[in-house]
Structure formats: structure tokens, C-alpha cells
Amino acid sequence: MAKILMVDDSALSRRMLRTILEEGGHTVIEAPDGFAALEQYSLERPDLVTLDMTMKDMHGLDVLEEILKLDKDATVLAASADIQKSTRQRVLEKGGKGFVPKPFDAETVLTAVNTALEGGL
């Protein structure tokens, strides 16, 4: 399956998402903040990134922009409790490939991940 970089400043969210992704057959790399995410992305070149939008050090949209500077073909899914259409639209406009709502639901997460990996939205 895929190597996935999971970026979230909540240890609980990372644990929940790791469980879902690993049970789906994926390999998971973690980053607790935006700066660590950029470092991990450079080192690991994952197939996909799940990216929390609200973090203390950098906003998810800023991290998304920086990842796309490193790799214009990066596949990034926003992961957020903010389910407003405007937030989703901003993620897509900035180059994100989709959106995973919090709290995480295994079926929803795996569907979004697999769809993004296959190149769809």
C-alpha cells in the first residue's frame, strides 16, 4: 500500500489516524507540527500526506503551500474538524487533493486516502 505522512499536533488524533491507516495496510510516518512535517516530507517523500489545518506553529494551509514547493505533485489531504465549505474550497484552491473530517471515521478516511492515491477527488 502507501507510505503516509500524518501531520497533527494532537497525539490522540495521530493515534486514532495511525490505527485506521495501518489497519488499511498503509505505512505511517508522524509529524507533530508543520516544521517537522516539512523535514519528514523532504526525508521520506511519502505517497500521501494527511494534514491538520489548525496547529500551533504553522497553519495547515501554509504547510500545504510549503510541501507543494518541495514537490508540486504531492498528494495532500486536509484533516480538520472545520467542515465549512469555504475551508474545503481553500484547501482545494491551494492544491490539496481532498478533505478528511474529524472526528475520524475509518471508512471515510480510507475512502478519501484511496481516492486521492488513485488520483481522484
N, C-alpha and C. Protein backbone atom coordinates (compact mmCIF):
# COMPACT_ATOMS: atom_id res chain seq x y z
N MET A 1 0.84 -1.19 0.00
CA MET A 1 0.00 0.00 0.00
C MET A 1 0.88 1.25 0.00
N ALA A 2 0.46 2.31 0.67
CA ALA A 2 1.15 3.60 0.57
C ALA A 2 1.90 3.97 1.85
N LYS A 3 2.93 4.83 1.66
CA LYS A 3 3.63 5.44 2.79
C LYS A 3 2.96 6.79 3.01
N ILE A 4 2.42 7.00 4.22
CA ILE A 4 1.63 8.19 4.52
C ILE A 4 2.26 8.99 5.65
N LEU A 5 2.46 10.28 5.41
CA LEU A 5 2.91 11.20 6.44
C LEU A 5 1.68 11.83 7.07
N MET A 6 1.54 11.64 8.37
CA MET A 6 0.39 12.14 9.12
C MET A 6 0.87 13.31 9.97
N VAL A 7 0.29 14.50 9.74
CA VAL A 7 0.72 15.71 10.43
C VAL A 7 -0.43 16.20 11.30
N ASP A 8 -0.21 16.20 12.61
CA ASP A 8 -1.24 16.66 13.55
C ASP A 8 -0.58 16.96 14.87
N ASP A 9 -0.94 18.08 15.50
CA ASP A 9 -0.34 18.42 16.79
C ASP A 9 -1.03 17.72 17.96
N SER A 10 -2.09 16.97 17.68
CA SER A 10 -2.79 16.21 18.73
C SER A 10 -2.32 14.76 18.71
N ALA A 11 -1.70 14.34 19.82
CA ALA A 11 -1.24 12.95 19.92
C ALA A 11 -2.42 11.98 19.81
N LEU A 12 -3.57 12.35 20.37
CA LEU A 12 -4.75 11.50 20.29
C LEU A 12 -5.19 11.32 18.84
N SER A 13 -5.26 12.43 18.10
CA SER A 13 -5.64 12.34 16.69
C SER A 13 -4.66 11.48 15.91
N ARG A 14 -3.35 11.64 16.18
CA ARG A 14 -2.35 10.83 15.49
C ARG A 14 -2.53 9.35 15.80
N ARG A 15 -2.80 9.02 17.06
CA ARG A 15 -3.01 7.60 17.42
C ARG A 15 -4.22 7.02 16.70
N MET A 16 -5.31 7.78 16.69
CA MET A 16 -6.54 7.30 16.05
C MET A 16 -6.32 7.10 14.54
N LEU A 17 -5.69 8.09 13.91
CA LEU A 17 -5.48 8.01 12.47
C LEU A 17 -4.47 6.93 12.12
N ARG A 18 -3.42 6.78 12.93
CA ARG A 18 -2.43 5.73 12.70
C ARG A 18 -3.11 4.36 12.69
N THR A 19 -3.97 4.12 13.67
CA THR A 19 -4.68 2.84 13.75
C THR A 19 -5.48 2.58 12.48
N ILE A 20 -6.23 3.57 12.04
CA ILE A 20 -7.06 3.43 10.84
C ILE A 20 -6.19 3.13 9.62
N LEU A 21 -5.14 3.93 9.45
CA LEU A 21 -4.29 3.79 8.27
C LEU A 21 -3.53 2.46 8.26
N GLU A 22 -2.99 2.07 9.42
CA GLU A 22 -2.25 0.81 9.47
C GLU A 22 -3.18 -0.38 9.26
N GLU A 23 -4.38 -0.32 9.82
CA GLU A 23 -5.34 -1.40 9.57
C GLU A 23 -5.75 -1.45 8.10
N GLY A 24 -5.62 -0.32 7.41
CA GLY A 24 -5.89 -0.27 5.97
C GLY A 24 -4.70 -0.71 5.13
N GLY A 25 -3.62 -1.11 5.80
CA GLY A 25 -2.46 -1.64 5.10
C GLY A 25 -1.37 -0.63 4.77
N HIS A 26 -1.49 0.59 5.28
CA HIS A 26 -0.53 1.63 4.95
C HIS A 26 0.59 1.73 5.99
N THR A 27 1.73 2.25 5.57
CA THR A 27 2.84 2.57 6.46
C THR A 27 2.69 4.02 6.87
N VAL A 28 2.88 4.32 8.16
CA VAL A 28 2.62 5.67 8.67
C VAL A 28 3.87 6.28 9.27
N ILE A 29 4.10 7.54 8.90
CA ILE A 29 5.15 8.37 9.47
C ILE A 29 4.43 9.53 10.15
N GLU A 30 4.89 9.94 11.33
CA GLU A 30 4.22 11.02 12.06
C GLU A 30 5.05 12.29 12.12
N ALA A 31 4.34 13.41 12.14
CA ALA A 31 4.95 14.71 12.40
C ALA A 31 3.99 15.48 13.30
N PRO A 32 4.47 16.01 14.44
CA PRO A 32 3.60 16.70 15.38
C PRO A 32 3.36 18.17 15.06
N ASP A 33 4.04 18.71 14.03
CA ASP A 33 3.85 20.12 13.69
C ASP A 33 4.30 20.36 12.26
N GLY A 34 4.08 21.58 11.80
CA GLY A 34 4.38 21.92 10.42
C GLY A 34 5.85 21.83 10.06
N PHE A 35 6.72 22.30 10.95
CA PHE A 35 8.15 22.26 10.66
C PHE A 35 8.66 20.83 10.56
N ALA A 36 8.21 19.98 11.48
CA ALA A 36 8.59 18.57 11.42
C ALA A 36 8.03 17.91 10.16
N ALA A 37 6.84 18.34 9.75
CA ALA A 37 6.23 17.79 8.54
C ALA A 37 7.09 18.08 7.31
N LEU A 38 7.59 19.30 7.21
CA LEU A 38 8.41 19.66 6.06
C LEU A 38 9.71 18.87 6.05
N GLU A 39 10.30 18.68 7.22
CA GLU A 39 11.52 17.88 7.33
C GLU A 39 11.25 16.43 6.94
N GLN A 40 10.18 15.86 7.51
CA GLN A 40 9.84 14.46 7.20
C GLN A 40 9.50 14.29 5.73
N TYR A 41 8.80 15.26 5.15
CA TYR A 41 8.45 15.14 3.74
C TYR A 41 9.72 15.10 2.89
N SER A 42 10.68 15.97 3.20
CA SER A 42 11.94 16.00 2.45
C SER A 42 12.70 14.70 2.57
N LEU A 43 12.71 14.13 3.76
CA LEU A 43 13.46 12.89 4.00
C LEU A 43 12.76 11.65 3.45
N GLU A 44 11.45 11.56 3.62
CA GLU A 44 10.72 10.33 3.35
C GLU A 44 10.01 10.28 2.00
N ARG A 45 9.67 11.45 1.44
CA ARG A 45 8.90 11.51 0.18
C ARG A 45 7.72 10.54 0.20
N PRO A 46 6.77 10.77 1.12
CA PRO A 46 5.63 9.86 1.24
C PRO A 46 4.72 9.93 0.00
N ASP A 47 3.89 8.92 -0.12
CA ASP A 47 2.92 8.86 -1.22
C ASP A 47 1.76 9.83 -0.99
N LEU A 48 1.48 10.10 0.30
CA LEU A 48 0.34 10.93 0.65
C LEU A 48 0.60 11.58 2.01
N VAL A 49 0.02 12.76 2.22
CA VAL A 49 0.11 13.47 3.50
C VAL A 49 -1.30 13.74 3.99
N THR A 50 -1.57 13.42 5.27
CA THR A 50 -2.79 13.91 5.91
C THR A 50 -2.34 15.08 6.78
N LEU A 51 -3.00 16.20 6.65
CA LEU A 51 -2.51 17.44 7.23
C LEU A 51 -3.59 18.14 8.04
N ASP A 52 -3.34 18.25 9.35
CA ASP A 52 -4.24 19.01 10.23
C ASP A 52 -4.18 20.48 9.81
N MET A 53 -5.30 21.14 9.84
CA MET A 53 -5.35 22.54 9.43
C MET A 53 -5.02 23.50 10.56
N THR A 54 -5.33 23.14 11.81
CA THR A 54 -5.14 24.06 12.92
C THR A 54 -4.06 23.52 13.85
N MET A 55 -2.85 24.08 13.70
CA MET A 55 -1.73 23.69 14.55
C MET A 55 -1.10 24.95 15.13
N LYS A 56 -0.34 24.78 16.20
CA LYS A 56 0.21 25.93 16.91
C LYS A 56 1.29 26.66 16.13
N ASP A 57 2.18 25.94 15.47
CA ASP A 57 3.34 26.59 14.85
C ASP A 57 3.06 27.15 13.46
N MET A 58 2.38 26.39 12.64
CA MET A 58 2.07 26.82 11.27
C MET A 58 0.65 26.37 10.95
N HIS A 59 -0.09 27.20 10.23
CA HIS A 59 -1.42 26.79 9.80
C HIS A 59 -1.25 25.74 8.70
N GLY A 60 -2.19 24.83 8.63
CA GLY A 60 -2.13 23.77 7.64
C GLY A 60 -2.02 24.26 6.21
N LEU A 61 -2.69 25.36 5.89
CA LEU A 61 -2.60 25.89 4.53
C LEU A 61 -1.18 26.35 4.20
N ASP A 62 -0.47 26.89 5.19
CA ASP A 62 0.93 27.29 4.98
C ASP A 62 1.81 26.06 4.77
N VAL A 63 1.56 25.01 5.55
CA VAL A 63 2.31 23.76 5.39
C VAL A 63 2.04 23.17 4.01
N LEU A 64 0.78 23.19 3.61
CA LEU A 64 0.41 22.69 2.28
C LEU A 64 1.20 23.42 1.19
N GLU A 65 1.25 24.74 1.27
CA GLU A 65 2.00 25.51 0.28
C GLU A 65 3.47 25.13 0.25
N GLU A 66 4.06 24.95 1.44
CA GLU A 66 5.48 24.61 1.52
C GLU A 66 5.75 23.19 0.98
N ILE A 67 4.87 22.26 1.27
CA ILE A 67 5.04 20.91 0.75
C ILE A 67 4.99 20.94 -0.78
N LEU A 68 4.06 21.71 -1.33
CA LEU A 68 3.94 21.78 -2.78
C LEU A 68 5.13 22.50 -3.42
N LYS A 69 5.82 23.34 -2.66
CA LYS A 69 7.07 23.93 -3.17
C LYS A 69 8.16 22.86 -3.25
N LEU A 70 8.15 21.93 -2.28
CA LEU A 70 9.12 20.83 -2.29
C LEU A 70 8.81 19.83 -3.39
N ASP A 71 7.51 19.62 -3.64
CA ASP A 71 7.08 18.61 -4.61
C ASP A 71 5.72 19.02 -5.17
N LYS A 72 5.74 19.55 -6.39
CA LYS A 72 4.49 20.06 -6.98
C LYS A 72 3.46 18.96 -7.19
N ASP A 73 3.89 17.69 -7.17
CA ASP A 73 2.97 16.58 -7.38
C ASP A 73 2.54 15.91 -6.07
N ALA A 74 2.84 16.53 -4.93
CA ALA A 74 2.48 15.95 -3.64
C ALA A 74 0.97 15.74 -3.54
N THR A 75 0.58 14.65 -2.88
CA THR A 75 -0.82 14.36 -2.64
C THR A 75 -1.10 14.64 -1.17
N VAL A 76 -1.89 15.69 -0.92
CA VAL A 76 -2.16 16.13 0.45
C VAL A 76 -3.66 16.17 0.70
N LEU A 77 -4.08 15.52 1.79
CA LEU A 77 -5.46 15.58 2.26
C LEU A 77 -5.50 16.42 3.53
N ALA A 78 -6.39 17.39 3.58
CA ALA A 78 -6.59 18.16 4.80
C ALA A 78 -7.39 17.31 5.78
N ALA A 79 -7.02 17.38 7.05
CA ALA A 79 -7.76 16.68 8.10
C ALA A 79 -8.16 17.72 9.13
N SER A 80 -9.47 17.93 9.28
CA SER A 80 -9.91 19.02 10.16
C SER A 80 -11.32 18.82 10.66
N ALA A 81 -11.58 19.39 11.83
CA ALA A 81 -12.95 19.42 12.36
C ALA A 81 -13.75 20.55 11.73
N ASP A 82 -13.06 21.46 11.05
CA ASP A 82 -13.71 22.58 10.38
C ASP A 82 -14.29 22.07 9.06
N ILE A 83 -15.60 21.88 9.03
CA ILE A 83 -16.23 21.28 7.86
C ILE A 83 -16.93 22.31 6.96
N GLN A 84 -16.60 23.57 7.15
CA GLN A 84 -17.21 24.61 6.33
C GLN A 84 -16.78 24.45 4.87
N LYS A 85 -17.70 24.75 3.96
CA LYS A 85 -17.39 24.67 2.53
C LYS A 85 -16.24 25.59 2.16
N SER A 86 -16.17 26.76 2.80
CA SER A 86 -15.11 27.71 2.47
C SER A 86 -13.73 27.13 2.80
N THR A 87 -13.63 26.40 3.90
CA THR A 87 -12.35 25.78 4.26
C THR A 87 -11.97 24.73 3.24
N ARG A 88 -12.92 23.88 2.89
CA ARG A 88 -12.65 22.85 1.88
C ARG A 88 -12.21 23.50 0.57
N GLN A 89 -12.89 24.57 0.18
CA GLN A 89 -12.57 25.25 -1.08
C GLN A 89 -11.16 25.81 -1.05
N ARG A 90 -10.77 26.41 0.07
CA ARG A 90 -9.42 26.98 0.19
C ARG A 90 -8.36 25.89 0.09
N VAL A 91 -8.61 24.74 0.70
CA VAL A 91 -7.68 23.61 0.62
C VAL A 91 -7.50 23.18 -0.84
N LEU A 92 -8.60 23.04 -1.56
CA LEU A 92 -8.54 22.61 -2.96
C LEU A 92 -7.87 23.68 -3.83
N GLU A 93 -8.17 24.94 -3.57
CA GLU A 93 -7.55 26.03 -4.33
C GLU A 93 -6.05 26.08 -4.13
N LYS A 94 -5.59 25.73 -2.94
CA LYS A 94 -4.15 25.76 -2.63
C LYS A 94 -3.42 24.51 -3.14
N GLY A 95 -4.17 23.52 -3.63
CA GLY A 95 -3.52 22.34 -4.19
C GLY A 95 -3.76 21.05 -3.44
N GLY A 96 -4.58 21.10 -2.38
CA GLY A 96 -4.92 19.88 -1.66
C GLY A 96 -5.78 18.97 -2.54
N LYS A 97 -5.73 17.68 -2.26
CA LYS A 97 -6.46 16.70 -3.08
C LYS A 97 -7.75 16.23 -2.44
N GLY A 98 -8.06 16.70 -1.25
CA GLY A 98 -9.28 16.27 -0.60
C GLY A 98 -9.31 16.66 0.86
N PHE A 99 -10.30 16.14 1.57
CA PHE A 99 -10.59 16.57 2.93
C PHE A 99 -11.08 15.38 3.74
N VAL A 100 -10.52 15.21 4.93
CA VAL A 100 -10.95 14.15 5.85
C VAL A 100 -11.48 14.83 7.11
N PRO A 101 -12.77 14.66 7.41
CA PRO A 101 -13.33 15.32 8.59
C PRO A 101 -12.94 14.64 9.90
N LYS A 102 -12.81 15.45 10.94
CA LYS A 102 -12.63 14.95 12.31
C LYS A 102 -13.96 15.07 13.01
N PRO A 103 -14.30 14.19 13.91
CA PRO A 103 -13.52 13.03 14.32
C PRO A 103 -13.43 12.00 13.19
N PHE A 104 -12.35 11.24 13.21
CA PHE A 104 -12.08 10.29 12.14
C PHE A 104 -13.01 9.10 12.17
N ASP A 105 -13.47 8.73 10.99
CA ASP A 105 -14.27 7.53 10.77
C ASP A 105 -13.45 6.67 9.80
N ALA A 106 -13.21 5.41 10.17
CA ALA A 106 -12.31 4.55 9.40
C ALA A 106 -12.71 4.47 7.92
N GLU A 107 -13.97 4.23 7.66
CA GLU A 107 -14.41 4.08 6.27
C GLU A 107 -14.20 5.37 5.48
N THR A 108 -14.55 6.51 6.08
CA THR A 108 -14.39 7.80 5.41
C THR A 108 -12.93 8.10 5.13
N VAL A 109 -12.07 7.85 6.12
CA VAL A 109 -10.63 8.10 5.96
C VAL A 109 -10.06 7.23 4.85
N LEU A 110 -10.33 5.94 4.90
CA LEU A 110 -9.73 5.04 3.91
C LEU A 110 -10.27 5.30 2.51
N THR A 111 -11.52 5.67 2.41
CA THR A 111 -12.07 6.02 1.09
C THR A 111 -11.37 7.25 0.54
N ALA A 112 -11.21 8.28 1.37
CA ALA A 112 -10.54 9.52 0.93
C ALA A 112 -9.09 9.26 0.55
N VAL A 113 -8.39 8.47 1.36
CA VAL A 113 -6.99 8.14 1.09
C VAL A 113 -6.86 7.37 -0.22
N ASN A 114 -7.67 6.33 -0.39
CA ASN A 114 -7.58 5.53 -1.59
C ASN A 114 -7.96 6.31 -2.84
N THR A 115 -8.96 7.17 -2.73
CA THR A 115 -9.37 8.00 -3.86
C THR A 115 -8.24 8.96 -4.24
N ALA A 116 -7.62 9.60 -3.24
CA ALA A 116 -6.53 10.53 -3.51
C ALA A 116 -5.33 9.81 -4.13
N LEU A 117 -5.02 8.63 -3.63
CA LEU A 117 -3.89 7.87 -4.16
C LEU A 117 -4.13 7.45 -5.61
N GLU A 118 -5.39 7.26 -5.95
CA GLU A 118 -5.73 6.87 -7.32
C GLU A 118 -5.83 8.09 -8.24
N GLY A 119 -5.62 9.28 -7.68
CA GLY A 119 -5.62 10.49 -8.49
C GLY A 119 -6.93 11.22 -8.59
N GLY A 120 -7.95 10.76 -7.88
CA GLY A 120 -9.26 11.42 -7.93
C GLY A 120 -9.47 12.34 -6.75
N LEU A 121 -10.65 12.96 -6.73
CA LEU A 121 -11.01 13.82 -5.59
C LEU A 121 -12.15 13.20 -4.84
